[in-house]
């Protein structure tokens, strides 16, 4: 499974979203049930565990949409 799909699968699993959930532009993280402050901690922890890395919190500055979240995480992981 490629890294982008794995990140999306982690999001689907973490927030109990249907497999047909659409990762379209503009879906805000706070529109997803459970993606609150604790949800942020949990999703970051799961991604760090899955990719055996420590994410820099600066990559989440001004992240408001799911597509930007995925893009930023993917860019960080690919740099490692």
N, C-alpha and C. Protein backbone atom coordinates (compact mmCIF):
# COMPACT_ATOMS: atom_id res chain seq x y z
N UNK A 1 0.86 -1.18 0.00
CA UNK A 1 0.00 0.00 0.00
C UNK A 1 0.90 1.23 0.00
N UNK A 2 0.57 2.19 -0.87
CA UNK A 2 1.41 3.38 -0.89
C UNK A 2 1.15 4.25 0.34
N UNK A 3 2.06 5.16 0.60
CA UNK A 3 2.01 5.94 1.84
C UNK A 3 0.77 6.82 1.94
N UNK A 4 0.36 7.43 0.85
CA UNK A 4 -0.83 8.28 0.88
C UNK A 4 -2.07 7.46 1.23
N UNK A 5 -2.21 6.30 0.61
CA UNK A 5 -3.36 5.44 0.92
C UNK A 5 -3.32 4.96 2.37
N UNK A 6 -2.13 4.68 2.87
CA UNK A 6 -2.00 4.25 4.26
C UNK A 6 -2.41 5.36 5.22
N UNK A 7 -2.00 6.59 4.94
CA UNK A 7 -2.40 7.73 5.79
C UNK A 7 -3.92 7.85 5.78
N UNK A 8 -4.52 7.75 4.61
CA UNK A 8 -5.98 7.85 4.50
C UNK A 8 -6.66 6.70 5.23
N UNK A 9 -6.10 5.50 5.13
CA UNK A 9 -6.67 4.35 5.85
C UNK A 9 -6.61 4.57 7.36
N UNK A 10 -5.51 5.13 7.83
CA UNK A 10 -5.39 5.43 9.26
C UNK A 10 -6.47 6.41 9.69
N UNK A 11 -6.71 7.43 8.87
CA UNK A 11 -7.77 8.41 9.18
C UNK A 11 -9.13 7.72 9.21
N UNK A 12 -9.40 6.90 8.20
CA UNK A 12 -10.68 6.17 8.16
C UNK A 12 -10.86 5.33 9.41
N UNK A 13 -9.83 4.58 9.78
CA UNK A 13 -9.91 3.70 10.95
C UNK A 13 -10.03 4.49 12.25
N UNK A 14 -9.22 5.53 12.40
CA UNK A 14 -9.20 6.29 13.65
C UNK A 14 -10.54 6.94 13.94
N UNK A 15 -11.18 7.45 12.90
CA UNK A 15 -12.42 8.18 13.11
C UNK A 15 -13.65 7.39 12.69
N UNK A 16 -13.47 6.08 12.47
CA UNK A 16 -14.57 5.17 12.15
C UNK A 16 -15.41 5.68 10.98
N UNK A 17 -14.72 6.09 9.92
CA UNK A 17 -15.39 6.58 8.72
C UNK A 17 -15.64 5.42 7.77
N UNK A 18 -16.70 5.54 6.97
CA UNK A 18 -17.01 4.51 5.98
C UNK A 18 -15.89 4.43 4.95
N UNK A 19 -15.71 3.24 4.40
CA UNK A 19 -14.65 3.03 3.40
C UNK A 19 -14.86 3.89 2.16
N UNK A 20 -16.11 4.30 1.90
CA UNK A 20 -16.37 5.13 0.72
C UNK A 20 -16.29 6.63 1.04
N UNK A 21 -15.75 6.97 2.21
CA UNK A 21 -15.56 8.38 2.56
C UNK A 21 -14.72 9.05 1.47
N UNK A 22 -15.14 10.23 1.06
CA UNK A 22 -14.46 10.94 -0.02
C UNK A 22 -13.48 11.96 0.55
N UNK A 23 -12.23 11.82 0.19
CA UNK A 23 -11.20 12.76 0.61
C UNK A 23 -11.12 13.89 -0.42
N UNK A 24 -12.22 14.61 -0.57
CA UNK A 24 -12.25 15.70 -1.53
C UNK A 24 -11.69 16.97 -0.91
N UNK A 25 -11.28 17.87 -1.79
CA UNK A 25 -10.75 19.15 -1.34
C UNK A 25 -11.76 19.88 -0.47
N UNK A 26 -11.27 20.46 0.58
CA UNK A 26 -12.08 21.34 1.39
C UNK A 26 -12.77 20.73 2.59
N UNK A 27 -12.73 19.41 2.76
CA UNK A 27 -13.34 18.82 3.95
C UNK A 27 -12.47 19.20 5.13
N UNK A 28 -13.06 19.90 6.06
CA UNK A 28 -12.32 20.40 7.21
C UNK A 28 -12.17 19.31 8.27
N UNK A 29 -11.04 19.33 8.94
CA UNK A 29 -10.81 18.33 9.99
C UNK A 29 -11.88 18.41 11.06
N UNK A 30 -12.34 19.62 11.39
CA UNK A 30 -13.35 19.73 12.46
C UNK A 30 -14.75 19.35 11.99
N UNK A 31 -14.90 18.98 10.70
CA UNK A 31 -16.17 18.45 10.20
C UNK A 31 -16.26 16.94 10.40
N UNK A 32 -15.16 16.33 10.81
CA UNK A 32 -15.13 14.88 11.01
C UNK A 32 -15.36 14.61 12.49
N UNK A 33 -16.41 13.85 12.80
CA UNK A 33 -16.69 13.54 14.20
C UNK A 33 -15.49 12.90 14.90
N UNK A 34 -15.10 13.46 16.02
CA UNK A 34 -13.99 12.92 16.80
C UNK A 34 -12.66 13.59 16.51
N UNK A 35 -12.58 14.39 15.44
CA UNK A 35 -11.31 15.04 15.12
C UNK A 35 -11.28 16.38 15.86
N UNK A 36 -11.15 16.25 17.17
CA UNK A 36 -11.04 17.41 18.05
C UNK A 36 -9.60 17.41 18.58
N UNK A 37 -9.36 18.10 19.67
CA UNK A 37 -7.98 18.18 20.18
C UNK A 37 -7.43 16.80 20.55
N UNK A 38 -8.25 15.96 21.13
CA UNK A 38 -7.78 14.61 21.46
C UNK A 38 -7.64 13.79 20.18
N UNK A 39 -8.52 14.00 19.23
CA UNK A 39 -8.42 13.33 17.95
C UNK A 39 -7.12 13.64 17.23
N UNK A 40 -6.68 14.91 17.35
CA UNK A 40 -5.40 15.30 16.76
C UNK A 40 -4.27 14.48 17.37
N UNK A 41 -4.26 14.37 18.68
CA UNK A 41 -3.20 13.62 19.36
C UNK A 41 -3.22 12.16 18.93
N UNK A 42 -4.40 11.58 18.87
CA UNK A 42 -4.51 10.17 18.53
C UNK A 42 -4.09 9.88 17.10
N UNK A 43 -4.50 10.74 16.17
CA UNK A 43 -4.15 10.50 14.76
C UNK A 43 -2.66 10.68 14.53
N UNK A 44 -2.08 11.67 15.17
CA UNK A 44 -0.63 11.89 15.04
C UNK A 44 0.12 10.70 15.62
N UNK A 45 -0.32 10.23 16.78
CA UNK A 45 0.33 9.07 17.41
C UNK A 45 0.25 7.84 16.52
N UNK A 46 -0.90 7.61 15.90
CA UNK A 46 -1.04 6.43 15.03
C UNK A 46 -0.14 6.52 13.82
N UNK A 47 -0.06 7.72 13.24
CA UNK A 47 0.79 7.88 12.06
C UNK A 47 2.26 7.72 12.44
N UNK A 48 2.66 8.29 13.57
CA UNK A 48 4.04 8.14 14.02
C UNK A 48 4.38 6.68 14.26
N UNK A 49 3.47 5.94 14.84
CA UNK A 49 3.70 4.52 15.10
C UNK A 49 3.80 3.74 13.80
N UNK A 50 2.87 3.98 12.90
CA UNK A 50 2.84 3.25 11.63
C UNK A 50 4.08 3.50 10.79
N UNK A 51 4.56 4.74 10.78
CA UNK A 51 5.70 5.09 9.95
C UNK A 51 7.02 5.15 10.73
N UNK A 52 6.95 4.79 12.00
CA UNK A 52 8.14 4.77 12.86
C UNK A 52 8.93 6.08 12.75
N UNK A 53 8.23 7.17 13.03
CA UNK A 53 8.83 8.49 12.93
C UNK A 53 8.25 9.39 14.02
N UNK A 54 8.82 10.55 14.17
CA UNK A 54 8.28 11.59 15.04
C UNK A 54 7.97 12.79 14.15
N UNK A 55 6.71 13.11 14.05
CA UNK A 55 6.31 14.23 13.22
C UNK A 55 6.64 15.55 13.90
N UNK A 56 7.02 16.53 13.12
CA UNK A 56 7.25 17.87 13.64
C UNK A 56 5.92 18.60 13.67
N UNK A 57 5.58 19.15 14.81
CA UNK A 57 4.27 19.78 14.94
C UNK A 57 4.11 20.99 14.04
N UNK A 58 5.20 21.55 13.57
CA UNK A 58 5.11 22.70 12.67
C UNK A 58 4.41 22.36 11.35
N UNK A 59 4.41 21.08 10.97
CA UNK A 59 3.74 20.72 9.72
C UNK A 59 2.22 20.83 9.83
N UNK A 60 1.73 21.00 11.05
CA UNK A 60 0.28 21.11 11.26
C UNK A 60 -0.18 22.55 11.46
N UNK A 61 0.77 23.49 11.40
CA UNK A 61 0.39 24.90 11.50
C UNK A 61 -0.58 25.25 10.38
N UNK A 62 -1.69 25.84 10.75
CA UNK A 62 -2.70 26.30 9.79
C UNK A 62 -3.34 25.19 8.97
N UNK A 63 -3.26 23.95 9.41
CA UNK A 63 -3.95 22.86 8.72
C UNK A 63 -5.41 22.87 9.16
N UNK A 64 -6.28 23.07 8.20
CA UNK A 64 -7.71 23.08 8.51
C UNK A 64 -8.48 22.03 7.72
N UNK A 65 -7.87 21.52 6.64
CA UNK A 65 -8.59 20.55 5.81
C UNK A 65 -7.85 19.22 5.80
N UNK A 66 -8.61 18.17 5.55
CA UNK A 66 -8.05 16.82 5.56
C UNK A 66 -7.03 16.66 4.44
N UNK A 67 -7.32 17.22 3.26
CA UNK A 67 -6.38 17.06 2.15
C UNK A 67 -5.04 17.74 2.44
N UNK A 68 -5.04 18.87 3.11
CA UNK A 68 -3.78 19.54 3.48
C UNK A 68 -3.06 18.72 4.56
N UNK A 69 -3.82 18.15 5.50
CA UNK A 69 -3.23 17.29 6.52
C UNK A 69 -2.49 16.13 5.86
N UNK A 70 -3.16 15.43 4.95
CA UNK A 70 -2.56 14.29 4.27
C UNK A 70 -1.32 14.74 3.48
N UNK A 71 -1.43 15.83 2.76
CA UNK A 71 -0.31 16.35 1.96
C UNK A 71 0.89 16.67 2.83
N UNK A 72 0.67 17.36 3.94
CA UNK A 72 1.78 17.74 4.82
C UNK A 72 2.44 16.53 5.46
N UNK A 73 1.65 15.58 5.92
CA UNK A 73 2.21 14.37 6.52
C UNK A 73 3.00 13.60 5.47
N UNK A 74 2.44 13.45 4.29
CA UNK A 74 3.11 12.72 3.23
C UNK A 74 4.44 13.37 2.85
N UNK A 75 4.45 14.69 2.71
CA UNK A 75 5.69 15.40 2.39
C UNK A 75 6.73 15.19 3.48
N UNK A 76 6.32 15.25 4.74
CA UNK A 76 7.26 15.06 5.84
C UNK A 76 7.83 13.64 5.83
N UNK A 77 6.98 12.66 5.67
CA UNK A 77 7.42 11.27 5.69
C UNK A 77 8.35 10.97 4.51
N UNK A 78 8.04 11.52 3.36
CA UNK A 78 8.86 11.27 2.17
C UNK A 78 10.23 11.93 2.25
N UNK A 79 10.36 12.96 3.07
CA UNK A 79 11.66 13.63 3.26
C UNK A 79 12.59 12.79 4.12
N UNK A 80 12.02 11.94 4.95
CA UNK A 80 12.82 11.13 5.88
C UNK A 80 13.56 10.03 5.17
